[in-house]
Amino acid sequence: MLKFSRVGTFSMLGSLLLGACGGGDSEDPSGAAGSGGGLTQAQPPSGQGGSSASNGTPPGSSQNPPMILPNPSSNEAPAPMTEGNATQGTPVVSPMDPPSDSSGSDPEDPEMPAPPDDAPEPMPPPSTPEEVEEPSCSPATCAALSRSCGQAADGCGGTLNCGACSASQVCNGAGQCECVPSCGARECGADPSCGQPCGSCAPGESCEAGTCVAPVQTLDAVASADNMLLVSSADSNVANTSFPQSETSVGCNWVFSSLTGIQDFVCAIGLVYFGIDQAIAGRSVLDAQLVFTVEALPASQASYQLWAVFQDWRANVTWNSAPQVVLGSERVVNQPTGSTLQIDVTDIVRAWANGSLPNFGFFLEPADVTFPFDNRLEATSLCSLESCTGSFRPRLVVTYQ
C-alpha cells in the first residue's frame, strides 16, 4: 500500500473540493485550466515528447483517466493515487518517504508547538531501581549470648571464642562450664572436685574417706574345741594318745622321781578352734586377740610359738598325728607373767575373714623341744573348755566392721 503525505493529501482534496464548488469541470481546448479552477491535467513526463498527439491520444484529453471524487455517502475508499493519476501540483509520496507533520515542522525540531490543555500527561520514563544498602551487621558477644566457654556463631558469619573451662570442668552445649564428678573408687561422700555426691552407704554404715564402713563391732567368742598333745621321753605311747578332756598346756618340763629314780622329759602342745567364720566373713577385721587364762606359770624362763593351723584336727588328734601349720604365720610368744596370756592374731583372723586362709584354729607349741639333761620347768598350764568355766575359758576377741 502506498503512503501519502498529509500535505499532499490535503492539497489534493482541496483542489478537488474547489473544483466541485467552482465554475464547473469543463476543459479548456488549449489544455489550460478554466476560470472556474477545474482540475488540471497531468503533464506528460519529461522526455516523452512535446504533444499528446504524438502518441495517439486525442488533443484536449489527459494521458490517464481523470481523478474521481469519492462520494461522501459511499463507504468505498478512494482509489490510491499514483504517478499516473495524480493531478499536476499534487505531490506523490513514495512508500520510503517518512511521514511529515502537517504543519511542515520537523518532528525533532525543539520548537514544537505545546500540546493542548486536555492532552493526557506524558508517561514518565521508567526509573532505574536504586541499589538498596543492606543494614550493617552488629556481631553478638559471648556475654549477650550468656556463654562462658566454647565457640558460638556471632550472627554475622563469624565465630566467637568464649573461653575454656578449668581442668575439672567441661563446656556443655549451652556454653556453660560444669564440673565433672571424679569419684573414682569413692563409693560414698562428696566428690572432691565438684562436691557432688558419689553414692550413699547402707543403713548402719558410715562413710570414711569415700568408703562405706559398717559400724565397729566387737565379737567375743569362746573356743568351740581344744585339745592338748603330749610326748614323753619315758613312755612312747603318750605320743599316740589324745587328751581332749584335760587342761591346755604348752611347754616342756623335766620330771625326776626320787622314789623310782626315773626321770622323764614331757612336752605339751595346745590346739584351740573358734567357729566364727560366718560372723566375720567379708568383714574388715580391725583387731583380733587370743586370750588364755593362766592356771600355772612356769618355774623357769620360757618362750613359745603360735601358728595358724592348715588342716582339720578336731577328731582324736595326737602328738604323732598333729596337723600341719601355715608357714609364715608363726609368732614368738613370751611366757605370761600374770593371770592372762594374750596373743595378737589380727593378721590370721583377717585372712579368715577375706577367705585367703581356712580357719582351723591355732597351734601353740614350745620353742625348744630338745630333751634336756638338766632341771627344766618351762610348761605353762592354761584353762581349757573342760578345766574352766565362763570367761576363763579360751576366748577370741575380734573387732571388725
Protein backbone atom coordinates (compact mmCIF):
# COMPACT_ATOMS: atom_id res chain seq x y z
CA MET A 1 0.00 0.00 0.00
CA LEU A 2 1.25 3.50 -0.83
CA LYS A 3 1.65 6.03 1.90
CA PHE A 4 0.55 9.61 1.33
CA SER A 5 1.90 12.69 2.92
CA ARG A 6 -0.62 14.60 4.88
CA VAL A 7 0.40 17.75 2.98
CA GLY A 8 -0.12 16.20 -0.43
CA THR A 9 -3.41 14.62 0.54
CA PHE A 10 -4.84 17.81 1.95
CA SER A 11 -3.77 19.75 -1.22
CA MET A 12 -5.37 17.23 -3.49
CA LEU A 13 -8.61 17.20 -1.52
CA GLY A 14 -8.62 20.94 -1.50
CA SER A 15 -8.25 21.10 -5.24
CA LEU A 16 -10.98 18.55 -5.67
CA LEU A 17 -13.31 20.45 -3.39
CA LEU A 18 -12.57 23.72 -5.14
CA GLY A 19 -13.24 22.13 -8.48
CA ALA A 20 -16.51 20.73 -7.27
CA CYS A 21 -17.65 24.05 -5.82
CA GLY A 22 -16.21 26.30 -8.56
CA GLY A 23 -17.14 27.11 -12.19
CA GLY A 24 -17.55 23.59 -13.48
CA ASP A 25 -15.23 20.97 -14.68
CA SER A 26 -15.13 21.86 -18.45
CA GLU A 27 -11.80 21.55 -20.03
CA ASP A 28 -10.06 24.30 -21.91
CA PRO A 29 -9.38 23.29 -25.50
CA SER A 30 -5.88 24.53 -25.14
CA GLY A 31 -5.30 22.26 -22.14
CA ALA A 32 -5.29 25.15 -19.63
CA ALA A 33 -7.47 25.21 -16.55
CA GLY A 34 -10.74 27.08 -16.82
CA SER A 35 -11.63 30.17 -14.93
CA GLY A 36 -13.63 28.08 -12.60
CA GLY A 37 -10.48 26.43 -11.22
CA GLY A 38 -11.19 22.93 -12.61
CA LEU A 39 -8.82 20.05 -12.37
CA THR A 40 -5.54 20.39 -14.13
CA GLN A 41 -4.47 17.70 -16.47
CA ALA A 42 -1.30 15.98 -15.63
CA GLN A 43 1.65 16.94 -17.76
CA PRO A 44 3.42 14.28 -19.54
CA PRO A 45 6.66 13.30 -18.02
CA SER A 46 9.75 14.92 -19.37
CA GLY A 47 11.48 13.08 -22.15
CA GLN A 48 8.28 11.68 -23.74
CA GLY A 49 7.74 14.27 -26.41
CA GLY A 50 6.12 17.61 -26.72
CA SER A 51 2.43 16.96 -27.58
CA SER A 52 -0.01 14.34 -26.66
CA ALA A 53 -0.92 13.77 -30.30
CA SER A 54 2.34 12.11 -30.95
CA ASN A 55 1.28 9.03 -29.05
CA GLY A 56 -2.20 8.81 -30.45
CA THR A 57 -4.05 10.47 -27.59
CA PRO A 58 -6.73 12.90 -28.70
CA PRO A 59 -5.97 16.52 -28.03
CA GLY A 60 -7.56 18.02 -25.04
CA SER A 61 -7.66 14.75 -23.09
CA SER A 62 -5.28 13.68 -20.31
CA GLN A 63 -2.88 10.81 -20.60
CA ASN A 64 -4.51 8.92 -17.69
CA PRO A 65 -8.11 8.67 -16.52
CA PRO A 66 -9.36 11.64 -14.51
CA MET A 67 -9.39 11.58 -10.72
CA ILE A 68 -12.78 10.60 -9.38
CA LEU A 69 -14.01 12.33 -6.25
CA PRO A 70 -15.23 10.00 -3.60
CA ASN A 71 -18.89 10.03 -2.83
CA PRO A 72 -19.33 11.21 0.77
CA SER A 73 -22.22 8.85 1.19
CA SER A 74 -20.30 5.92 -0.16
CA ASN A 75 -18.24 3.62 2.03
CA GLU A 76 -15.81 2.94 -0.73
CA ALA A 77 -12.29 4.19 -0.18
CA PRO A 78 -10.75 6.45 -2.80
CA ALA A 79 -8.50 4.87 -5.30
CA PRO A 80 -4.88 5.15 -4.40
CA MET A 81 -3.00 7.89 -6.10
CA THR A 82 -0.17 7.08 -8.36
CA GLU A 83 2.13 8.98 -10.59
CA GLY A 84 -0.19 8.25 -13.47
CA ASN A 85 -3.42 9.56 -11.98
CA ALA A 86 -2.20 12.42 -9.81
CA THR A 87 -3.03 15.91 -10.98
CA GLN A 88 -0.39 18.42 -11.61
CA GLY A 89 0.78 20.04 -8.49
CA THR A 90 -0.17 17.15 -6.26
CA PRO A 91 2.93 15.65 -4.79
CA VAL A 92 3.36 11.96 -5.00
CA VAL A 93 4.62 10.27 -1.85
CA SER A 94 6.97 7.37 -2.12
CA PRO A 95 6.47 4.48 0.28
CA MET A 96 10.02 5.04 1.50
CA ASP A 97 9.43 8.71 2.38
CA PRO A 98 8.99 9.35 6.13
CA PRO A 99 5.74 10.99 7.18
CA SER A 100 5.89 14.71 7.74
CA ASP A 101 3.90 16.84 10.09
CA SER A 102 1.01 18.79 8.61
CA SER A 103 2.41 21.99 9.94
CA GLY A 104 5.56 21.44 7.96
CA SER A 105 7.72 21.37 11.10
CA ASP A 106 10.42 18.78 11.75
CA PRO A 107 9.35 16.20 14.43
CA GLU A 108 12.71 16.57 16.01
CA ASP A 109 12.55 20.36 15.94
CA PRO A 110 12.76 21.67 19.51
CA GLU A 111 10.33 24.45 18.59
CA MET A 112 7.39 22.06 18.53
CA PRO A 113 4.00 23.54 19.48
CA ALA A 114 2.70 22.91 23.00
CA PRO A 115 0.16 20.13 23.38
CA PRO A 116 -3.46 21.08 24.09
CA ASP A 117 -4.59 21.56 27.65
CA ASP A 118 -6.74 18.44 27.67
CA ALA A 119 -3.93 16.25 26.41
CA PRO A 120 -3.02 13.42 28.80
CA GLU A 121 0.10 13.80 30.83
CA PRO A 122 3.03 12.05 29.21
CA MET A 123 4.20 8.89 30.87
CA PRO A 124 7.36 9.44 32.89
CA PRO A 125 10.39 7.48 31.75
CA PRO A 126 10.93 4.21 33.58
CA SER A 127 13.03 4.73 36.67
CA THR A 128 16.17 2.74 37.23
CA PRO A 129 15.91 0.75 40.50
CA GLU A 130 18.27 2.16 43.05
CA GLU A 131 20.59 -0.18 44.91
CA VAL A 132 19.36 -0.68 48.48
CA GLU A 133 22.11 -0.79 51.01
CA GLU A 134 21.83 -3.72 53.40
CA PRO A 135 21.84 -2.72 57.06
CA SER A 136 25.19 -3.18 58.71
CA CYS A 137 25.51 -6.35 60.94
CA SER A 138 26.35 -6.00 64.60
CA PRO A 139 28.05 -9.20 65.79
CA ALA A 140 26.85 -10.72 69.04
CA THR A 141 29.09 -11.12 72.07
CA CYS A 142 29.65 -14.02 74.43
CA ALA A 143 28.07 -12.00 77.24
CA ALA A 144 24.98 -11.24 75.14
CA LEU A 145 24.65 -14.95 74.34
CA SER A 146 25.21 -15.86 78.02
CA ARG A 147 28.07 -18.15 77.07
CA SER A 148 31.19 -18.51 79.17
CA CYS A 149 33.03 -21.17 77.20
CA GLY A 150 33.32 -22.83 73.82
CA GLN A 151 32.61 -21.37 70.41
CA ALA A 152 29.42 -19.83 69.00
CA ALA A 153 28.28 -18.04 65.84
CA ASP A 154 28.20 -14.26 66.17
CA GLY A 155 25.23 -13.87 63.80
CA CYS A 156 27.28 -12.09 61.16
CA GLY A 157 29.15 -15.03 59.69
CA GLY A 158 31.89 -15.00 62.28
CA THR A 159 32.74 -17.27 65.21
CA LEU A 160 33.04 -16.27 68.85
CA ASN A 161 35.56 -17.93 71.15
CA CYS A 162 34.08 -17.66 74.63
CA GLY A 163 36.97 -19.24 76.52
CA ALA A 164 37.81 -22.57 78.12
CA CYS A 165 36.88 -24.27 81.38
CA SER A 166 39.18 -25.36 84.17
CA ALA A 167 40.75 -28.81 84.25
CA SER A 168 37.96 -30.28 86.38
CA GLN A 169 35.17 -28.82 84.23
CA VAL A 170 33.73 -29.32 80.76
CA CYS A 171 31.81 -26.93 78.49
CA ASN A 172 28.23 -28.08 77.97
CA GLY A 173 26.05 -27.41 74.95
CA ALA A 174 24.72 -24.18 76.44
CA GLY A 175 28.23 -22.74 76.68
CA GLN A 176 28.43 -23.08 80.45
CA CYS A 177 31.27 -24.68 82.40
CA GLU A 178 30.11 -27.55 84.55
CA CYS A 179 32.06 -29.77 86.86
CA VAL A 180 32.54 -33.44 86.04
CA PRO A 181 32.45 -35.61 89.14
CA SER A 182 35.61 -37.65 89.61
CA CYS A 183 34.51 -40.12 92.24
CA GLY A 184 36.91 -42.79 91.05
CA ALA A 185 36.91 -45.54 93.67
CA ARG A 186 34.83 -43.49 96.07
CA GLU A 187 31.56 -45.17 96.93
CA CYS A 188 30.17 -42.51 99.21
CA GLY A 189 30.64 -38.94 100.31
CA ALA A 190 31.23 -35.93 98.09
CA ASP A 191 33.39 -35.68 95.01
CA PRO A 192 36.49 -33.65 95.94
CA SER A 193 36.40 -31.73 92.63
CA CYS A 194 32.74 -30.75 92.32
CA GLY A 195 31.27 -31.51 95.70
CA GLN A 196 28.65 -33.74 94.12
CA PRO A 197 27.65 -36.96 95.89
CA CYS A 198 29.37 -40.17 94.86
CA GLY A 199 26.88 -42.50 96.48
CA SER A 200 25.44 -43.49 99.81
CA CYS A 201 26.06 -46.27 102.26
CA ALA A 202 23.72 -48.95 103.51
CA PRO A 203 21.79 -48.39 106.71
CA GLY A 204 24.06 -48.69 109.72
CA GLU A 205 27.21 -47.98 107.70
CA SER A 206 29.28 -44.83 107.80
CA CYS A 207 31.35 -43.16 105.08
CA GLU A 208 35.03 -42.85 105.84
CA ALA A 209 37.30 -41.33 103.18
CA GLY A 210 34.87 -42.32 100.43
CA THR A 211 34.37 -45.87 101.69
CA CYS A 212 31.24 -47.23 103.27
CA VAL A 213 32.18 -48.60 106.65
CA ALA A 214 29.99 -50.70 108.84
CA PRO A 215 29.78 -49.71 112.45
CA VAL A 216 32.58 -51.04 114.56
CA GLN A 217 31.55 -54.25 116.25
CA THR A 218 33.25 -56.49 118.75
CA LEU A 219 32.93 -60.27 118.80
CA ASP A 220 33.96 -62.06 121.98
CA ALA A 221 33.89 -65.76 121.06
CA VAL A 222 34.55 -68.74 123.31
CA ALA A 223 36.52 -71.66 121.89
CA SER A 224 34.47 -74.30 120.10
CA ALA A 225 37.08 -77.05 120.54
CA ASP A 226 40.52 -77.53 122.16
CA ASN A 227 42.99 -80.33 122.80
CA MET A 228 46.41 -80.99 124.25
CA LEU A 229 49.10 -83.12 122.59
CA LEU A 230 51.83 -84.77 124.75
CA VAL A 231 55.12 -86.51 124.15
CA SER A 232 57.16 -88.35 126.86
CA SER A 233 60.74 -89.50 126.84
CA ALA A 234 59.86 -92.29 129.24
CA ASP A 235 56.66 -93.54 127.61
CA SER A 236 56.34 -93.75 123.83
CA ASN A 237 52.59 -94.45 123.99
CA VAL A 238 51.91 -90.94 125.20
CA ALA A 239 52.62 -89.53 121.73
CA ASN A 240 49.79 -91.62 120.31
CA THR A 241 47.24 -90.70 122.97
CA SER A 242 44.58 -87.97 122.70
CA PHE A 243 43.80 -85.83 125.73
CA PRO A 244 40.62 -83.86 124.81
CA GLN A 245 39.34 -83.53 128.37
CA SER A 246 42.45 -82.20 130.03
CA GLU A 247 43.69 -78.71 130.61
CA THR A 248 45.60 -77.00 127.86
CA SER A 249 49.32 -76.82 128.48
CA VAL A 250 52.23 -75.56 126.44
CA GLY A 251 55.95 -76.02 127.10
CA CYS A 252 58.30 -78.69 128.43
CA ASN A 253 59.05 -79.96 131.95
CA TRP A 254 61.80 -82.22 133.25
CA VAL A 255 60.46 -84.63 135.84
CA PHE A 256 62.51 -86.81 138.20
CA SER A 257 61.08 -89.31 140.67
CA SER A 258 63.30 -89.91 143.64
CA LEU A 259 61.26 -92.95 144.56
CA THR A 260 61.70 -94.75 141.28
CA GLY A 261 64.80 -92.98 140.16
CA ILE A 262 63.21 -92.38 136.78
CA GLN A 263 63.49 -89.08 135.05
CA ASP A 264 61.07 -88.03 132.34
CA PHE A 265 61.01 -85.20 129.86
CA VAL A 266 57.43 -84.22 128.86
CA CYS A 267 56.42 -81.57 126.29
CA ALA A 268 52.87 -80.24 125.55
CA ILE A 269 51.20 -78.54 122.53
CA GLY A 270 47.88 -76.74 122.74
CA LEU A 271 45.24 -76.66 119.96
CA VAL A 272 42.18 -74.41 120.01
CA TYR A 273 39.45 -73.69 117.44
CA PHE A 274 36.83 -70.90 117.17
CA GLY A 275 33.83 -71.29 114.87
CA ILE A 276 33.39 -67.63 113.85
CA ASP A 277 33.58 -67.94 110.05
CA GLN A 278 30.03 -66.78 109.35
CA ALA A 279 30.24 -63.81 111.70
CA ILE A 280 33.39 -62.33 110.16
CA ALA A 281 33.09 -63.34 106.50
CA GLY A 282 33.64 -60.31 104.27
CA ARG A 283 34.18 -58.02 107.24
CA SER A 284 37.05 -55.66 107.76
CA VAL A 285 38.90 -57.02 110.77
CA LEU A 286 40.45 -54.26 112.79
CA ASP A 287 41.85 -56.28 115.64
CA ALA A 288 41.88 -59.86 116.97
CA GLN A 289 43.27 -61.07 120.30
CA LEU A 290 43.60 -64.68 121.51
CA VAL A 291 43.12 -64.78 125.26
CA PHE A 292 44.01 -67.61 127.66
CA THR A 293 43.52 -67.71 131.40
CA VAL A 294 46.69 -68.93 133.14
CA GLU A 295 46.32 -71.74 135.68
CA ALA A 296 50.02 -72.26 136.44
CA LEU A 297 53.09 -70.23 135.50
CA PRO A 298 56.37 -71.85 134.51
CA ALA A 299 59.13 -72.08 137.09
CA SER A 300 61.81 -71.00 134.63
CA GLN A 301 62.08 -68.66 131.67
CA ALA A 302 60.33 -69.95 128.59
CA SER A 303 59.15 -68.86 125.12
CA TYR A 304 56.59 -70.31 122.74
CA GLN A 305 55.46 -70.15 119.12
CA LEU A 306 51.96 -69.78 117.71
CA TRP A 307 50.89 -70.90 114.20
CA ALA A 308 47.75 -70.95 112.12
CA VAL A 309 46.57 -74.50 111.54
CA PHE A 310 46.23 -75.61 107.93
CA GLN A 311 44.02 -78.71 108.33
CA ASP A 312 41.23 -80.03 110.49
CA TRP A 313 42.39 -81.76 113.69
CA ARG A 314 39.24 -81.99 115.84
CA ALA A 315 38.85 -85.78 115.86
CA ASN A 316 41.25 -87.87 118.02
CA VAL A 317 44.35 -85.83 117.31
CA THR A 318 47.66 -86.91 118.92
CA TRP A 319 51.26 -85.76 119.02
CA ASN A 320 52.14 -88.10 116.24
CA SER A 321 49.07 -87.02 114.17
CA ALA A 322 49.47 -83.29 114.76
CA PRO A 323 48.07 -81.16 111.93
CA GLN A 324 50.18 -79.13 109.54
CA VAL A 325 50.62 -75.48 110.19
CA VAL A 326 50.68 -72.48 107.86
CA LEU A 327 54.24 -71.46 107.13
CA GLY A 328 54.90 -67.79 107.76
CA SER A 329 52.12 -67.47 110.29
CA GLU A 330 54.29 -68.12 113.34
CA ARG A 331 55.00 -65.59 116.01
CA VAL A 332 57.03 -65.74 119.22
CA VAL A 333 55.03 -65.70 122.43
CA ASN A 334 56.70 -64.84 125.69
CA GLN A 335 55.69 -66.65 128.81
CA PRO A 336 52.95 -64.92 130.78
CA THR A 337 53.67 -63.01 133.93
CA GLY A 338 50.13 -62.66 135.15
CA SER A 339 46.81 -64.39 135.05
CA THR A 340 46.28 -63.88 131.34
CA LEU A 341 48.18 -64.84 128.21
CA GLN A 342 47.12 -62.56 125.34
CA ILE A 343 48.40 -63.04 121.78
CA ASP A 344 47.78 -60.71 118.82
CA VAL A 345 46.34 -62.80 115.94
CA THR A 346 44.86 -59.95 113.83
CA ASP A 347 46.51 -60.93 110.53
CA ILE A 348 45.42 -64.57 110.84
CA VAL A 349 41.78 -63.71 111.62
CA ARG A 350 41.76 -61.10 108.84
CA ALA A 351 42.86 -63.81 106.41
CA TRP A 352 39.98 -65.96 107.64
CA ALA A 353 37.54 -63.09 107.02
CA ASN A 354 38.65 -62.39 103.45
CA GLY A 355 38.88 -66.07 102.55
CA SER A 356 42.62 -66.20 101.85
CA LEU A 357 43.20 -68.71 104.67
CA PRO A 358 40.98 -71.52 106.01
CA ASN A 359 40.01 -71.39 109.64
CA PHE A 360 41.24 -74.44 111.55
CA GLY A 361 42.28 -72.64 114.71
CA PHE A 362 45.65 -72.08 116.39
CA PHE A 363 48.63 -74.25 117.20
CA LEU A 364 50.65 -73.23 120.32
CA GLU A 365 53.93 -75.12 120.95
CA PRO A 366 57.19 -74.74 122.87
CA ALA A 367 60.01 -73.05 121.04
CA ASP A 368 62.50 -75.81 122.02
CA VAL A 369 61.65 -79.49 122.42
CA THR A 370 65.20 -80.84 122.75
CA PHE A 371 65.49 -83.33 125.58
CA PRO A 372 67.33 -81.59 128.36
CA PHE A 373 69.66 -83.24 130.85
CA ASP A 374 69.09 -80.59 133.40
CA ASN A 375 66.23 -79.44 135.53
CA ARG A 376 63.77 -77.51 133.26
CA LEU A 377 60.25 -76.41 134.19
CA GLU A 378 59.03 -74.32 131.23
CA ALA A 379 55.45 -75.50 130.77
CA THR A 380 52.51 -73.13 131.31
CA SER A 381 49.10 -74.52 132.25
CA LEU A 382 46.12 -72.76 130.59
CA CYS A 383 42.40 -73.05 131.14
CA SER A 384 40.57 -75.21 128.63
CA LEU A 385 36.92 -75.74 127.82
CA GLU A 386 36.89 -78.66 130.23
CA SER A 387 39.01 -77.35 133.09
CA CYS A 388 37.49 -73.88 133.42
CA THR A 389 34.14 -72.21 133.03
CA GLY A 390 32.70 -68.95 131.79
CA SER A 391 35.11 -66.22 130.82
CA PHE A 392 38.10 -68.24 131.98
CA ARG A 393 37.93 -70.49 129.01
CA PRO A 394 39.91 -69.71 125.84
CA ARG A 395 38.45 -66.65 124.03
CA LEU A 396 38.93 -64.84 120.76
CA VAL A 397 38.03 -61.14 120.81
CA VAL A 398 37.59 -59.68 117.29
CA THR A 399 36.90 -56.04 116.44
CA TYR A 400 35.56 -55.61 112.91
CA GLN A 401 33.35 -53.52 110.66
